[in-house]
PDB file of N, CA and C in Angstrom:
ATOM      1  N   MET A   1      91.362 123.544 116.285  1.00  0.00           N
ATOM      2  CA  MET A   1      90.050 124.170 116.341  1.00  0.00           C
ATOM      3  C   MET A   1      89.051 123.156 116.880  1.00  0.00           C
ATOM      4  N   THR A   2      88.236 123.575 117.800  1.00  0.00           N
ATOM      5  CA  THR A   2      87.249 122.672 118.368  1.00  0.00           C
ATOM      6  C   THR A   2      85.907 122.838 117.669  1.00  0.00           C
ATOM      7  N   SER A   3      85.134 121.779 117.761  1.00  0.00           N
ATOM      8  CA  SER A   3      83.814 121.756 117.151  1.00  0.00           C
ATOM      9  C   SER A   3      82.799 121.389 118.229  1.00  0.00           C
ATOM     10  N   PRO A   4      81.560 121.819 118.096  1.00  0.00           N
ATOM     11  CA  PRO A   4      80.559 121.423 119.085  1.00  0.00           C
ATOM     12  C   PRO A   4      80.301 119.912 119.072  1.00  0.00           C
ATOM     13  N   PHE A   5      80.804 119.218 118.054  1.00  0.00           N
ATOM     14  CA  PHE A   5      80.579 117.780 117.925  1.00  0.00           C
ATOM     15  C   PHE A   5      81.740 116.946 118.462  1.00  0.00           C
ATOM     16  N   ASP A   6      82.796 117.586 118.957  1.00  0.00           N
ATOM     17  CA  ASP A   6      83.988 116.874 119.411  1.00  0.00           C
ATOM     18  C   ASP A   6      83.697 115.829 120.483  1.00  0.00           C
ATOM     19  N   GLY A   7      82.755 116.073 121.366  1.00  0.00           N
ATOM     20  CA  GLY A   7      82.465 115.140 122.451  1.00  0.00           C
ATOM     21  C   GLY A   7      81.475 114.047 122.099  1.00  0.00           C
ATOM     22  N   LEU A   8      80.898 114.090 120.891  1.00  0.00           N
ATOM     23  CA  LEU A   8      79.855 113.122 120.533  1.00  0.00           C
ATOM     24  C   LEU A   8      80.295 111.665 120.560  1.00  0.00           C
ATOM     25  N   PRO A   9      81.489 111.302 120.076  1.00  0.00           N
ATOM     26  CA  PRO A   9      81.863 109.886 120.157  1.00  0.00           C
ATOM     27  C   PRO A   9      81.812 109.345 121.585  1.00  0.00           C
ATOM     28  N   ASP A  10      82.310 110.106 122.546  1.00  0.00           N
ATOM     29  CA  ASP A  10      82.279 109.658 123.935  1.00  0.00           C
ATOM     30  C   ASP A  10      80.849 109.554 124.463  1.00  0.00           C
ATOM     31  N   ILE A  11      79.982 110.468 124.046  1.00  0.00           N
ATOM     32  CA  ILE A  11      78.578 110.421 124.464  1.00  0.00           C
ATOM     33  C   ILE A  11      77.902 109.185 123.878  1.00  0.00           C
ATOM     34  N   PHE A  12      78.108 108.924 122.585  1.00  0.00           N
ATOM     35  CA  PHE A  12      77.498 107.753 121.948  1.00  0.00           C
ATOM     36  C   PHE A  12      77.999 106.457 122.582  1.00  0.00           C
ATOM     37  N   ILE A  13      79.320 106.364 122.784  1.00  0.00           N
ATOM     38  CA  ILE A  13      79.900 105.158 123.389  1.00  0.00           C
ATOM     39  C   ILE A  13      79.373 104.987 124.811  1.00  0.00           C
ATOM     40  N   GLY A  14      79.310 106.072 125.571  1.00  0.00           N
ATOM     41  CA  GLY A  14      78.822 106.004 126.942  1.00  0.00           C
ATOM     42  C   GLY A  14      77.363 105.586 127.027  1.00  0.00           C
ATOM     43  N   THR A  15      76.557 106.013 126.055  1.00  0.00           N
ATOM     44  CA  THR A  15      75.133 105.714 126.065  1.00  0.00           C
ATOM     45  C   THR A  15      74.814 104.354 125.458  1.00  0.00           C
ATOM     46  N   PHE A  16      75.397 104.053 124.302  1.00  0.00           N
ATOM     47  CA  PHE A  16      75.029 102.850 123.563  1.00  0.00           C
ATOM     48  C   PHE A  16      76.098 101.756 123.582  1.00  0.00           C
ATOM     49  N   GLY A  17      77.252 102.045 124.139  1.00  0.00           N
ATOM     50  CA  GLY A  17      78.366 101.107 124.091  1.00  0.00           C
ATOM     51  C   GLY A  17      78.281  99.996 125.122  1.00  0.00           C
ATOM     52  N   GLN A  18      79.138  99.009 124.914  1.00  0.00           N
ATOM     53  CA  GLN A  18      79.276  97.903 125.849  1.00  0.00           C
ATOM     54  C   GLN A  18      80.752  97.565 125.974  1.00  0.00           C
ATOM     55  N   ALA A  19      81.078  96.805 127.003  1.00  0.00           N
ATOM     56  CA  ALA A  19      82.474  96.442 127.245  1.00  0.00           C
ATOM     57  C   ALA A  19      82.978  95.514 126.142  1.00  0.00           C
ATOM     58  N   VAL A  20      84.175  95.807 125.650  1.00  0.00           N
ATOM     59  CA  VAL A  20      84.838  94.952 124.660  1.00  0.00           C
ATOM     60  C   VAL A  20      86.314  94.853 125.036  1.00  0.00           C
ATOM     61  N   THR A  21      86.932  93.767 124.586  1.00  0.00           N
ATOM     62  CA  THR A  21      88.358  93.574 124.812  1.00  0.00           C
ATOM     63  C   THR A  21      89.057  93.520 123.465  1.00  0.00           C
ATOM     64  N   LEU A  22      90.006  94.421 123.262  1.00  0.00           N
ATOM     65  CA  LEU A  22      90.819  94.436 122.057  1.00  0.00           C
ATOM     66  C   LEU A  22      92.127  93.725 122.397  1.00  0.00           C
ATOM     67  N   VAL A  23      92.541  92.781 121.574  1.00  0.00           N
ATOM     68  CA  VAL A  23      93.785  92.055 121.812  1.00  0.00           C
ATOM     69  C   VAL A  23      94.718  92.365 120.648  1.00  0.00           C
ATOM     70  N   ASP A  24      95.790  93.103 120.927  1.00  0.00           N
ATOM     71  CA  ASP A  24      96.684  93.515 119.842  1.00  0.00           C
ATOM     72  C   ASP A  24      97.592  92.365 119.410  1.00  0.00           C
ATOM     73  N   GLY A  25      98.380  92.606 118.397  1.00  0.00           N
ATOM     74  CA  GLY A  25      99.257  91.584 117.820  1.00  0.00           C
ATOM     75  C   GLY A  25     100.297  91.048 118.786  1.00  0.00           C
ATOM     76  N   ASP A  26     100.603  91.788 119.855  1.00  0.00           N
ATOM     77  CA  ASP A  26     101.551  91.334 120.867  1.00  0.00           C
ATOM     78  C   ASP A  26     100.871  90.560 121.990  1.00  0.00           C
ATOM     79  N   GLY A  27      99.542  90.374 121.884  1.00  0.00           N
ATOM     80  CA  GLY A  27      98.796  89.649 122.906  1.00  0.00           C
ATOM     81  C   GLY A  27      98.412  90.495 124.100  1.00  0.00           C
ATOM     82  N   VAL A  28      98.549  91.816 123.982  1.00  0.00           N
ATOM     83  CA  VAL A  28      98.185  92.720 125.078  1.00  0.00           C
ATOM     84  C   VAL A  28      96.686  93.015 125.002  1.00  0.00           C
ATOM     85  N   PHE A  29      96.010  92.850 126.143  1.00  0.00           N
ATOM     86  CA  PHE A  29      94.571  93.086 126.225  1.00  0.00           C
ATOM     87  C   PHE A  29      94.300  94.549 126.562  1.00  0.00           C
ATOM     88  N   HIS A  30      93.369  95.161 125.826  1.00  0.00           N
ATOM     89  CA  HIS A  30      92.948  96.542 126.067  1.00  0.00           C
ATOM     90  C   HIS A  30      91.442  96.524 126.307  1.00  0.00           C
ATOM     91  N   GLU A  31      91.026  96.859 127.522  1.00  0.00           N
ATOM     92  CA  GLU A  31      89.607  96.935 127.844  1.00  0.00           C
ATOM     93  C   GLU A  31      89.079  98.297 127.423  1.00  0.00           C
ATOM     94  N   THR A  32      87.937  98.319 126.732  1.00  0.00           N
ATOM     95  CA  THR A  32      87.352  99.574 126.303  1.00  0.00           C
ATOM     96  C   THR A  32      85.850  99.386 126.134  1.00  0.00           C
ATOM     97  N   ARG A  33      85.209 100.345 125.516  1.00  0.00           N
ATOM     98  CA  ARG A  33      83.776 100.257 125.206  1.00  0.00           C
ATOM     99  C   ARG A  33      83.598 100.557 123.725  1.00  0.00           C
ATOM    100  N   GLY A  34      82.601  99.920 123.125  1.00  0.00           N
ATOM    101  CA  GLY A  34      82.301 100.148 121.724  1.00  0.00           C
ATOM    102  C   GLY A  34      80.835  99.863 121.456  1.00  0.00           C
ATOM    103  N   ILE A  35      80.361 100.308 120.318  1.00  0.00           N
ATOM    104  CA  ILE A  35      78.975 100.057 119.917  1.00  0.00           C
ATOM    105  C   ILE A  35      78.990  98.875 118.950  1.00  0.00           C
ATOM    106  N   TYR A  36      78.421  97.773 119.395  1.00  0.00           N
ATOM    107  CA  TYR A  36      78.425  96.514 118.639  1.00  0.00           C
ATOM    108  C   TYR A  36      77.092  96.336 117.928  1.00  0.00           C
ATOM    109  N   ARG A  37      77.172  96.034 116.646  1.00  0.00           N
ATOM    110  CA  ARG A  37      75.993  95.722 115.845  1.00  0.00           C
ATOM    111  C   ARG A  37      76.235  94.378 115.182  1.00  0.00           C
ATOM    112  N   ASN A  38      75.416  93.397 115.535  1.00  0.00           N
ATOM    113  CA  ASN A  38      75.548  92.062 114.976  1.00  0.00           C
ATOM    114  C   ASN A  38      74.863  91.994 113.614  1.00  0.00           C
ATOM    115  N   GLN A  39      75.164  90.956 112.852  1.00  0.00           N
ATOM    116  CA  GLN A  39      74.459  90.732 111.602  1.00  0.00           C
ATOM    117  C   GLN A  39      72.987  90.560 111.928  1.00  0.00           C
ATOM    118  N   SER A  40      72.108  91.154 111.129  1.00  0.00           N
ATOM    119  CA  SER A  40      70.686  91.031 111.437  1.00  0.00           C
ATOM    120  C   SER A  40      69.828  91.409 110.245  1.00  0.00           C
ATOM    121  N   ILE A  41      68.585  91.010 110.363  1.00  0.00           N
ATOM    122  CA  ILE A  41      67.541  91.441 109.430  1.00  0.00           C
ATOM    123  C   ILE A  41      66.396  91.933 110.304  1.00  0.00           C
ATOM    124  N   ASP A  42      65.975  93.183 110.107  1.00  0.00           N
ATOM    125  CA  ASP A  42      64.913  93.717 110.955  1.00  0.00           C
ATOM    126  C   ASP A  42      63.533  93.427 110.367  1.00  0.00           C
ATOM    127  N   ALA A  43      62.504  93.907 111.024  1.00  0.00           N
ATOM    128  CA  ALA A  43      61.117  93.629 110.629  1.00  0.00           C
ATOM    129  C   ALA A  43      60.792  94.165 109.231  1.00  0.00           C
ATOM    130  N   LEU A  44      61.516  95.157 108.786  1.00  0.00           N
ATOM    131  CA  LEU A  44      61.276  95.722 107.456  1.00  0.00           C
ATOM    132  C   LEU A  44      62.128  95.063 106.376  1.00  0.00           C
ATOM    133  N   GLY A  45      62.898  94.061 106.768  1.00  0.00           N
ATOM    134  CA  GLY A  45      63.756  93.383 105.803  1.00  0.00           C
ATOM    135  C   GLY A  45      65.079  94.083 105.562  1.00  0.00           C
ATOM    136  N   MET A  46      65.353  95.132 106.351  1.00  0.00           N
ATOM    137  CA  MET A  46      66.624  95.840 106.232  1.00  0.00           C
ATOM    138  C   MET A  46      67.703  94.964 106.858  1.00  0.00           C
ATOM    139  N   THR A  47      68.848  94.883 106.214  1.00  0.00           N
ATOM    140  CA  THR A  47      69.888  94.002 106.733  1.00  0.00           C
ATOM    141  C   THR A  47      71.109  94.771 107.212  1.00  0.00           C
ATOM    142  N   GLN A  48      71.753  94.203 108.191  1.00  0.00           N
ATOM    143  CA  GLN A  48      73.092  94.594 108.629  1.00  0.00           C
ATOM    144  C   GLN A  48      73.935  93.402 108.196  1.00  0.00           C
ATOM    145  N   PRO A  49      74.557  93.454 107.011  1.00  0.00           N
ATOM    146  CA  PRO A  49      75.173  92.260 106.422  1.00  0.00           C
ATOM    147  C   PRO A  49      76.367  91.686 107.172  1.00  0.00           C
ATOM    148  N   VAL A  50      77.066  92.499 107.935  1.00  0.00           N
ATOM    149  CA  VAL A  50      78.222  92.020 108.696  1.00  0.00           C
ATOM    150  C   VAL A  50      78.160  92.587 110.101  1.00  0.00           C
ATOM    151  N   ALA A  51      78.784  91.897 111.037  1.00  0.00           N
ATOM    152  CA  ALA A  51      78.899  92.422 112.393  1.00  0.00           C
ATOM    153  C   ALA A  51      79.917  93.561 112.370  1.00  0.00           C
ATOM    154  N   VAL A  52      79.617  94.638 113.116  1.00  0.00           N
ATOM    155  CA  VAL A  52      80.471  95.823 113.129  1.00  0.00           C
ATOM    156  C   VAL A  52      80.603  96.326 114.561  1.00  0.00           C
ATOM    157  N   LEU A  53      81.791  96.764 114.897  1.00  0.00           N
ATOM    158  CA  LEU A  53      82.052  97.417 116.178  1.00  0.00           C
ATOM    159  C   LEU A  53      82.527  98.830 115.876  1.00  0.00           C
ATOM    160  N   HIS A  54      81.869  99.812 116.478  1.00  0.00           N
ATOM    161  CA  HIS A  54      82.281 101.206 116.329  1.00  0.00           C
ATOM    162  C   HIS A  54      83.006 101.624 117.607  1.00  0.00           C
ATOM    163  N   VAL A  55      84.231 102.110 117.448  1.00  0.00           N
ATOM    164  CA  VAL A  55      85.031 102.575 118.582  1.00  0.00           C
ATOM    165  C   VAL A  55      85.550 103.976 118.283  1.00  0.00           C
ATOM    166  N   THR A  56      86.029 104.644 119.319  1.00  0.00           N
ATOM    167  CA  THR A  56      86.618 105.963 119.106  1.00  0.00           C
ATOM    168  C   THR A  56      87.926 105.813 118.328  1.00  0.00           C
ATOM    169  N   THR A  57      88.339 106.877 117.687  1.00  0.00           N
ATOM    170  CA  THR A  57      89.582 106.857 116.916  1.00  0.00           C
ATOM    171  C   THR A  57      90.766 106.495 117.804  1.00  0.00           C
ATOM    172  N   SER A  58      90.782 106.978 119.043  1.00  0.00           N
ATOM    173  CA  SER A  58      91.898 106.659 119.944  1.00  0.00           C
ATOM    174  C   SER A  58      91.912 105.172 120.300  1.00  0.00           C
ATOM    175  N   ASP A  59      90.749 104.545 120.471  1.00  0.00           N
ATOM    176  CA  ASP A  59      90.707 103.106 120.751  1.00  0.00           C
ATOM    177  C   ASP A  59      91.060 102.287 119.517  1.00  0.00           C
ATOM    178  N   ALA A  60      90.679 102.772 118.345  1.00  0.00           N
ATOM    179  CA  ALA A  60      90.999 102.050 117.104  1.00  0.00           C
ATOM    180  C   ALA A  60      92.507 101.986 116.885  1.00  0.00           C
ATOM    181  N   ALA A  61      93.237 102.955 117.412  1.00  0.00           N
ATOM    182  CA  ALA A  61      94.693 102.958 117.265  1.00  0.00           C
ATOM    183  C   ALA A  61      95.340 101.796 118.024  1.00  0.00           C
ATOM    184  N   LYS A  62      94.605 101.166 118.945  1.00  0.00           N
ATOM    185  CA  LYS A  62      95.128 100.055 119.736  1.00  0.00           C
ATOM    186  C   LYS A  62      94.951  98.701 119.058  1.00  0.00           C
ATOM    187  N   VAL A  63      94.244  98.660 117.927  1.00  0.00           N
ATOM    188  CA  VAL A  63      93.977  97.388 117.257  1.00  0.00           C
ATOM    189  C   VAL A  63      94.284  97.527 115.766  1.00  0.00           C
ATOM    190  N   ALA A  64      94.886  96.493 115.208  1.00  0.00           N
ATOM    191  CA  ALA A  64      95.229  96.485 113.783  1.00  0.00           C
ATOM    192  C   ALA A  64      94.386  95.428 113.070  1.00  0.00           C
ATOM    193  N   ASP A  65      94.337  95.536 111.775  1.00  0.00           N
ATOM    194  CA  ASP A  65      93.625  94.567 110.968  1.00  0.00           C
ATOM    195  C   ASP A  65      94.148  93.155 111.285  1.00  0.00           C
ATOM    196  N   GLY A  66      93.240  92.242 111.611  1.00  0.00           N
ATOM    197  CA  GLY A  66      93.615  90.868 111.919  1.00  0.00           C
ATOM    198  C   GLY A  66      93.739  90.561 113.399  1.00  0.00           C
ATOM    199  N   ASP A  67      93.751  91.595 114.252  1.00  0.00           N
ATOM    200  CA  ASP A  67      93.816  91.372 115.698  1.00  0.00           C
ATOM    201  C   ASP A  67      92.493  90.777 116.191  1.00  0.00           C
ATOM    202  N   ALA A  68      92.513  90.278 117.425  1.00  0.00           N
ATOM    203  CA  ALA A  68      91.329  89.656 118.019  1.00  0.00           C
ATOM    204  C   ALA A  68      90.542  90.660 118.843  1.00  0.00           C
ATOM    205  N   ILE A  69      89.223  90.465 118.862  1.00  0.00           N
ATOM    206  CA  ILE A  69      88.325  91.269 119.680  1.00  0.00           C
ATOM    207  C   ILE A  69      87.356  90.315 120.369  1.00  0.00           C
ATOM    208  N   GLN A  70      87.154  90.528 121.665  1.00  0.00           N
ATOM    209  CA  GLN A  70      86.183  89.736 122.413  1.00  0.00           C
ATOM    210  C   GLN A  70      85.036  90.633 122.836  1.00  0.00           C
ATOM    211  N   ILE A  71      83.807  90.185 122.539  1.00  0.00           N
ATOM    212  CA  ILE A  71      82.597  90.883 122.956  1.00  0.00           C
ATOM    213  C   ILE A  71      81.731  89.847 123.651  1.00  0.00           C
ATOM    214  N   GLY A  72      81.557  89.982 124.954  1.00  0.00           N
ATOM    215  CA  GLY A  72      80.863  88.953 125.726  1.00  0.00           C
ATOM    216  C   GLY A  72      81.661  87.665 125.650  1.00  0.00           C
ATOM    217  N   ASP A  73      81.011  86.570 125.255  1.00  0.00           N
ATOM    218  CA  ASP A  73      81.688  85.277 125.106  1.00  0.00           C
ATOM    219  C   ASP A  73      82.166  85.029 123.679  1.00  0.00           C
ATOM    220  N   ALA A  74      81.852  85.945 122.756  1.00  0.00           N
ATOM    221  CA  ALA A  74      82.180  85.751 121.345  1.00  0.00           C
ATOM    222  C   ALA A  74      83.526  86.380 120.998  1.00  0.00           C
ATOM    223  N   TRP A  75      84.263  85.720 120.097  1.00  0.00           N
ATOM    224  CA  TRP A  75      85.547  86.209 119.603  1.00  0.00           C
ATOM    225  C   TRP A  75      85.434  86.543 118.131  1.00  0.00           C
ATOM    226  N   PHE A  76      86.138  87.591 117.725  1.00  0.00           N
ATOM    227  CA  PHE A  76      86.101  88.059 116.347  1.00  0.00           C
ATOM    228  C   PHE A  76      87.507  88.422 115.881  1.00  0.00           C
ATOM    229  N   THR A  77      87.686  88.424 114.564  1.00  0.00           N
ATOM    230  CA  THR A  77      88.883  88.970 113.935  1.00  0.00           C
ATOM    231  C   THR A  77      88.522  90.361 113.436  1.00  0.00           C
ATOM    232  N   ALA A  78      89.356  91.338 113.742  1.00  0.00           N
ATOM    233  CA  ALA A  78      89.111  92.729 113.368  1.00  0.00           C
ATOM    234  C   ALA A  78      89.498  92.991 111.921  1.00  0.00           C
ATOM    235  N   ARG A  79      88.645  93.684 111.223  1.00  0.00           N
ATOM    236  CA  ARG A  79      88.922  94.207 109.886  1.00  0.00           C
ATOM    237  C   ARG A  79      88.695  95.711 109.960  1.00  0.00           C
ATOM    238  N   VAL A  80      89.770  96.420 110.313  1.00  0.00           N
ATOM    239  CA  VAL A  80      89.699  97.855 110.587  1.00  0.00           C
ATOM    240  C   VAL A  80      89.449  98.623 109.294  1.00  0.00           C
ATOM    241  N   GLU A  81      88.523  99.568 109.361  1.00  0.00           N
ATOM    242  CA  GLU A  81      88.191 100.411 108.219  1.00  0.00           C
ATOM    243  C   GLU A  81      88.687 101.827 108.469  1.00  0.00           C
ATOM    244  N   GLU A  82      88.464 102.703 107.537  1.00  0.00           N
ATOM    245  CA  GLU A  82      88.906 104.096 107.644  1.00  0.00           C
ATOM    246  C   GLU A  82      88.049 104.847 108.662  1.00  0.00           C
ATOM    247  N   PRO A  83      88.646 105.792 109.401  1.00  0.00           N
ATOM    248  CA  PRO A  83      87.863 106.622 110.325  1.00  0.00           C
ATOM    249  C   PRO A  83      86.742 107.340 109.578  1.00  0.00           C
ATOM    250  N   ASP A  84      85.628 107.589 110.280  1.00  0.00           N
ATOM    251  CA  ASP A  84      84.486 108.231 109.633  1.00  0.00           C
ATOM    252  C   ASP A  84      84.600 109.749 109.572  1.00  0.00           C
ATOM    253  N   GLY A  85      85.680 110.302 110.130  1.00  0.00           N
ATOM    254  CA  GLY A  85      85.872 111.749 110.116  1.00  0.00           C
ATOM    255  C   GLY A  85      85.137 112.462 111.243  1.00  0.00           C
ATOM    256  N   LYS A  86      84.441 111.701 112.080  1.00  0.00           N
ATOM    257  CA  LYS A  86      83.678 112.282 113.184  1.00  0.00           C
ATOM    258  C   LYS A  86      84.122 111.719 114.525  1.00  0.00           C
ATOM    259  N   GLY A  87      85.337 111.135 114.561  1.00  0.00           N
ATOM    260  CA  GLY A  87      85.871 110.623 115.810  1.00  0.00           C
ATOM    261  C   GLY A  87      85.621 109.153 116.071  1.00  0.00           C
ATOM    262  N   MET A  88      85.024 108.447 115.106  1.00  0.00           N
ATOM    263  CA  MET A  88      84.713 107.028 115.261  1.00  0.00           C
ATOM    264  C   MET A  88      85.346 106.229 114.123  1.00  0.00           C
ATOM    265  N   VAL A  89      85.603 104.949 114.399  1.00  0.00           N
ATOM    266  CA  VAL A  89      86.137 104.045 113.385  1.00  0.00           C
ATOM    267  C   VAL A  89      85.301 102.765 113.407  1.00  0.00           C
ATOM    268  N   PRO A  90      84.743 102.370 112.261  1.00  0.00           N
ATOM    269  CA  PRO A  90      84.037 101.092 112.212  1.00  0.00           C
ATOM    270  C   PRO A  90      85.042  99.957 112.019  1.00  0.00           C
ATOM    271  N   ILE A  91      84.823  98.865 112.721  1.00  0.00           N
ATOM    272  CA  ILE A  91      85.657  97.675 112.573  1.00  0.00           C
ATOM    273  C   ILE A  91      84.728  96.523 112.192  1.00  0.00           C
ATOM    274  N   ARG A  92      84.882  95.992 110.981  1.00  0.00           N
ATOM    275  CA  ARG A  92      84.112  94.810 110.586  1.00  0.00           C
ATOM    276  C   ARG A  92      84.612  93.630 111.397  1.00  0.00           C
ATOM    277  N   LEU A  93      83.703  92.758 111.804  1.00  0.00           N
ATOM    278  CA  LEU A  93      84.051  91.629 112.651  1.00  0.00           C
ATOM    279  C   LEU A  93      83.771  90.311 111.949  1.00  0.00           C
ATOM    280  N   GLU A  94      84.742  89.426 111.981  1.00  0.00           N
ATOM    281  CA  GLU A  94      84.577  88.073 111.449  1.00  0.00           C
ATOM    282  C   GLU A  94      84.666  87.113 112.632  1.00  0.00           C
ATOM    283  N   HIS A  95      83.682  86.222 112.772  1.00  0.00           N
ATOM    284  CA  HIS A  95      83.678  85.272 113.900  1.00  0.00           C
ATOM    285  C   HIS A  95      84.916  84.385 113.867  1.00  0.00           C
ATOM    286  N   ARG A  96      85.403  84.043 115.042  1.00  0.00           N
ATOM    287  CA  ARG A  96      86.531  83.141 115.179  1.00  0.00           C
ATOM    288  C   ARG A  96      86.334  82.301 116.455  1.00  0.00           C
ATOM    289  N   ASP A  97      87.121  81.262 116.607  1.00  0.00           N
ATOM    290  CA  ASP A  97      87.012  80.362 117.757  1.00  0.00           C
ATOM    291  C   ASP A  97      88.044  80.705 118.820  1.00  0.00           C
ATOM    292  N   GLY A  98      87.873  81.801 119.504  1.00  0.00           N
ATOM    293  CA  GLY A  98      88.783  82.206 120.574  1.00  0.00           C
ATOM    294  C   GLY A  98      90.076  82.794 120.055  1.00  0.00           C
ATOM    295  N   LEU A  99      91.045  82.902 120.975  1.00  0.00           N
ATOM    296  CA  LEU A  99      92.342  83.461 120.593  1.00  0.00           C
ATOM    297  C   LEU A  99      93.055  82.451 119.757  1.00  0.00           C
TER     298      LEU A  99
END
């Protein structure tokens, strides 16, 4: 059964996403797009306590917990979380020093 919201993950990624590289446990590189949110504190004191990458469910299937992710020049270790039920999966990111 289709929903009017089925295409939203692709729209969000296309609008707000940036290029990222997922590196699986076998060392295979997968180029994709994701919505990256770095740790931050905004003007109202609201915090984003950890860096997070949101990817589509199909892209999340290419990376497992502990795999490497490259965003720009920065490298991270993936901590994959449960799908949000709307076609997206948040991945918590821990900084690392390259592959």
